[in-house]
C-alpha atoms as a PDB file:
ATOM      1  CA  MET A   1       0.000   0.000   0.000  1.00  0.00           C
ATOM      2  CA  LEU A   2       2.853   2.384   0.777  1.00  0.00           C
ATOM      3  CA  GLY A   3       4.159   2.024  -2.822  1.00  0.00           C
ATOM      4  CA  ILE A   4       0.847   3.295  -4.172  1.00  0.00           C
ATOM      5  CA  LEU A   5       1.057   6.367  -1.937  1.00  0.00           C
ATOM      6  CA  LYS A   6       4.636   7.113  -3.064  1.00  0.00           C
ATOM      7  CA  ARG A   7       3.865   6.994  -6.812  1.00  0.00           C
ATOM      8  CA  LYS A   8       4.650  10.185  -8.675  1.00  0.00           C
ATOM      9  CA  LYS A   9       2.317   9.542 -11.616  1.00  0.00           C
ATOM     10  CA  LYS A  10      -1.211   8.145 -11.897  1.00  0.00           C
ATOM     11  CA  ARG A  11      -1.458   4.694 -13.477  1.00  0.00           C
ATOM     12  CA  LEU A  12      -3.935   3.214 -15.902  1.00  0.00           C
ATOM     13  CA  GLY A  13      -4.809  -0.438 -15.341  1.00  0.00           C
ATOM     14  CA  LEU A  14      -5.018  -2.527 -18.482  1.00  0.00           C
ATOM     15  CA  LEU A  15      -4.096  -5.930 -19.838  1.00  0.00           C
ATOM     16  CA  THR A  16      -2.390  -5.802 -23.203  1.00  0.00           C
ATOM     17  CA  PRO A  17       0.396  -7.804 -24.827  1.00  0.00           C
ATOM     18  CA  ALA A  18       3.792  -6.266 -25.507  1.00  0.00           C
ATOM     19  CA  THR A  19       7.263  -7.391 -26.499  1.00  0.00           C
ATOM     20  CA  VAL A  20      10.525  -6.525 -24.764  1.00  0.00           C
ATOM     21  CA  ARG A  21      14.086  -6.842 -25.985  1.00  0.00           C
ATOM     22  CA  LEU A  22      16.882  -6.771 -23.452  1.00  0.00           C
ATOM     23  CA  SER A  23      19.915  -4.653 -24.321  1.00  0.00           C
ATOM     24  CA  GLU A  24      22.223  -7.641 -23.930  1.00  0.00           C
ATOM     25  CA  ALA A  25      20.040  -9.909 -26.143  1.00  0.00           C
ATOM     26  CA  PRO A  26      18.190  -7.729 -28.697  1.00  0.00           C
ATOM     27  CA  ASP A  27      17.741 -10.655 -31.084  1.00  0.00           C
ATOM     28  CA  ARG A  28      15.575 -12.564 -28.576  1.00  0.00           C
ATOM     29  CA  PRO A  29      12.150 -10.904 -28.130  1.00  0.00           C
ATOM     30  CA  ILE A  30      10.269 -11.740 -24.935  1.00  0.00           C
ATOM     31  CA  LYS A  31       6.455 -11.686 -24.827  1.00  0.00           C
ATOM     32  CA  VAL A  32       4.972  -9.922 -21.786  1.00  0.00           C
ATOM     33  CA  GLN A  33       1.663  -8.458 -20.630  1.00  0.00           C
ATOM     34  CA  ILE A  34       1.324  -4.834 -19.552  1.00  0.00           C
ATOM     35  CA  LEU A  35      -0.738  -4.725 -16.352  1.00  0.00           C
ATOM     36  CA  ASN A  36      -0.661  -0.971 -15.833  1.00  0.00           C
ATOM     37  CA  ILE A  37       0.997   2.022 -17.451  1.00  0.00           C
ATOM     38  CA  SER A  38       1.671   5.683 -16.688  1.00  0.00           C
ATOM     39  CA  PHE A  39       3.681   8.530 -18.142  1.00  0.00           C
ATOM     40  CA  GLY A  40       6.579   7.317 -15.976  1.00  0.00           C
ATOM     41  CA  GLY A  41       6.608   3.584 -16.676  1.00  0.00           C
ATOM     42  CA  ALA A  42       4.721   0.295 -16.604  1.00  0.00           C
ATOM     43  CA  CYS A  43       4.193  -2.887 -14.629  1.00  0.00           C
ATOM     44  CA  LEU A  44       4.744  -5.996 -16.729  1.00  0.00           C
ATOM     45  CA  HIS A  45       3.928  -9.655 -16.216  1.00  0.00           C
ATOM     46  CA  ALA A  46       6.717 -11.848 -17.611  1.00  0.00           C
ATOM     47  CA  ARG A  47       7.582 -15.548 -17.568  1.00  0.00           C
ATOM     48  CA  GLN A  48      11.162 -14.788 -16.566  1.00  0.00           C
ATOM     49  CA  PRO A  49      12.935 -12.151 -14.491  1.00  0.00           C
ATOM     50  CA  LEU A  50      14.040  -9.105 -16.479  1.00  0.00           C
ATOM     51  CA  ASP A  51      16.997  -6.871 -15.630  1.00  0.00           C
ATOM     52  CA  GLY A  52      18.733  -3.765 -16.868  1.00  0.00           C
ATOM     53  CA  ARG A  53      17.854  -1.672 -19.870  1.00  0.00           C
ATOM     54  CA  LEU A  54      15.249  -2.857 -22.361  1.00  0.00           C
ATOM     55  CA  GLN A  55      13.205  -1.824 -25.359  1.00  0.00           C
ATOM     56  CA  VAL A  56       9.426  -2.213 -25.109  1.00  0.00           C
ATOM     57  CA  SER A  57       7.164  -2.514 -28.154  1.00  0.00           C
ATOM     58  CA  ILE A  58       3.702  -1.231 -27.175  1.00  0.00           C
ATOM     59  CA  ALA A  59       0.493  -1.172 -29.240  1.00  0.00           C
ATOM     60  CA  LEU A  60      -2.232   0.940 -27.602  1.00  0.00           C
ATOM     61  CA  GLY A  61      -5.335   2.742 -28.775  1.00  0.00           C
ATOM     62  CA  SER A  62      -7.650   2.115 -31.699  1.00  0.00           C
ATOM     63  CA  LYS A  63      -7.192  -0.793 -34.131  1.00  0.00           C
ATOM     64  CA  SER A  64      -5.456   1.507 -36.622  1.00  0.00           C
ATOM     65  CA  GLU A  65      -3.118   2.838 -33.896  1.00  0.00           C
ATOM     66  CA  GLN A  66      -2.332  -0.718 -32.768  1.00  0.00           C
ATOM     67  CA  ALA A  67      -1.163  -1.624 -36.289  1.00  0.00           C
ATOM     68  CA  ASP A  68       2.099   0.266 -35.649  1.00  0.00           C
ATOM     69  CA  PRO A  69       3.489  -0.509 -32.185  1.00  0.00           C
ATOM     70  CA  GLU A  70       5.747   2.169 -30.746  1.00  0.00           C
ATOM     71  CA  MET A  71       9.139   1.375 -29.262  1.00  0.00           C
ATOM     72  CA  ILE A  72      10.302   2.969 -26.047  1.00  0.00           C
ATOM     73  CA  MET A  73      13.403   2.378 -23.967  1.00  0.00           C
ATOM     74  CA  GLY A  74      13.048   1.586 -20.292  1.00  0.00           C
ATOM     75  CA  ARG A  75      14.956   0.380 -17.278  1.00  0.00           C
ATOM     76  CA  VAL A  76      13.935  -2.308 -14.800  1.00  0.00           C
ATOM     77  CA  ARG A  77      13.404  -0.716 -11.362  1.00  0.00           C
ATOM     78  CA  TRP A  78      12.036  -3.707  -9.466  1.00  0.00           C
ATOM     79  CA  LYS A  79      10.895  -7.299  -9.916  1.00  0.00           C
ATOM     80  CA  ARG A  80       8.955  -9.798  -7.803  1.00  0.00           C
ATOM     81  CA  ASN A  81       8.541 -13.511  -8.286  1.00  0.00           C
ATOM     82  CA  LEU A  82       4.853 -14.358  -7.943  1.00  0.00           C
ATOM     83  CA  PHE A  83       5.351 -18.127  -8.208  1.00  0.00           C
ATOM     84  CA  GLY A  84       7.380 -20.446 -10.423  1.00  0.00           C
ATOM     85  CA  SER A  85       8.118 -18.671 -13.687  1.00  0.00           C
ATOM     86  CA  SER A  86       5.644 -15.829 -13.123  1.00  0.00           C
ATOM     87  CA  TRP A  87       7.195 -12.395 -12.515  1.00  0.00           C
ATOM     88  CA  LEU A  88       5.981  -8.841 -11.980  1.00  0.00           C
ATOM     89  CA  VAL A  89       8.483  -6.325 -13.350  1.00  0.00           C
ATOM     90  CA  GLY A  90       8.364  -2.561 -12.852  1.00  0.00           C
ATOM     91  CA  ILE A  91      10.049  -0.435 -15.495  1.00  0.00           C
ATOM     92  CA  SER A  92      10.600   3.292 -15.845  1.00  0.00           C
ATOM     93  CA  PHE A  93      10.436   4.815 -19.317  1.00  0.00           C
ATOM     94  CA  GLU A  94      13.327   6.798 -20.756  1.00  0.00           C
ATOM     95  CA  ASN A  95      12.338   9.957 -22.602  1.00  0.00           C
ATOM     96  CA  LEU A  96       8.631   9.305 -23.228  1.00  0.00           C
ATOM     97  CA  ASN A  97       7.425  12.295 -25.238  1.00  0.00           C
ATOM     98  CA  SER A  98       4.771  13.172 -27.793  1.00  0.00           C
ATOM     99  CA  ARG A  99       7.246  13.722 -30.641  1.00  0.00           C
ATOM    100  CA  LEU A 100       8.817  10.249 -30.422  1.00  0.00           C
ATOM    101  CA  HIS A 101       5.798   8.374 -29.015  1.00  0.00           C
ATOM    102  CA  PRO A 102       2.626  10.132 -30.246  1.00  0.00           C
ATOM    103  CA  ILE A 103       0.313   7.110 -29.919  1.00  0.00           C
ATOM    104  CA  ILE A 104       1.381   6.152 -26.383  1.00  0.00           C
ATOM    105  CA  THR A 105       1.249   9.741 -25.083  1.00  0.00           C
ATOM    106  CA  SER A 106      -2.082  10.421 -26.796  1.00  0.00           C
ATOM    107  CA  TYR A 107      -3.559   7.235 -25.307  1.00  0.00           C
ATOM    108  CA  LEU A 108      -2.346   8.181 -21.818  1.00  0.00           C
ATOM    109  CA  ASP A 109      -3.594  11.771 -22.209  1.00  0.00           C
ATOM    110  CA  ARG A 110      -7.074  10.477 -23.131  1.00  0.00           C
ATOM    111  CA  ASN A 111      -7.248   7.942 -20.294  1.00  0.00           C
ATOM    112  CA  ILE A 112      -5.356   9.376 -17.319  1.00  0.00           C
ATOM    113  CA  LYS A 113      -6.496  12.461 -15.483  1.00  0.00           C
ATOM    114  CA  ARG A 114      -3.363  14.332 -14.455  1.00  0.00           C
END
């Protein structure tokens, strides 16, 4: 509960697939689920622990917007093993902005009250 009180940015709960690529293994995409997202980062569900810097491919919004996923760099800030090979992973985004990520920022603007 304390973590929720310390958050700097409001989060939007959702369940949508995404793909991550770790900096040290960019040729091996990893399928994940986004559980919530904000202007600062996201909480992911993964089948393995993730560490370090990564690239996230996110498709949000209308069907036409989802046709072109946007890529954003992030850094793992925390991870928790739920059970077995089920992990929650918190990432912070690097340089999320409307010029580089117009679909993601537009989606967040429409759905999160600042």
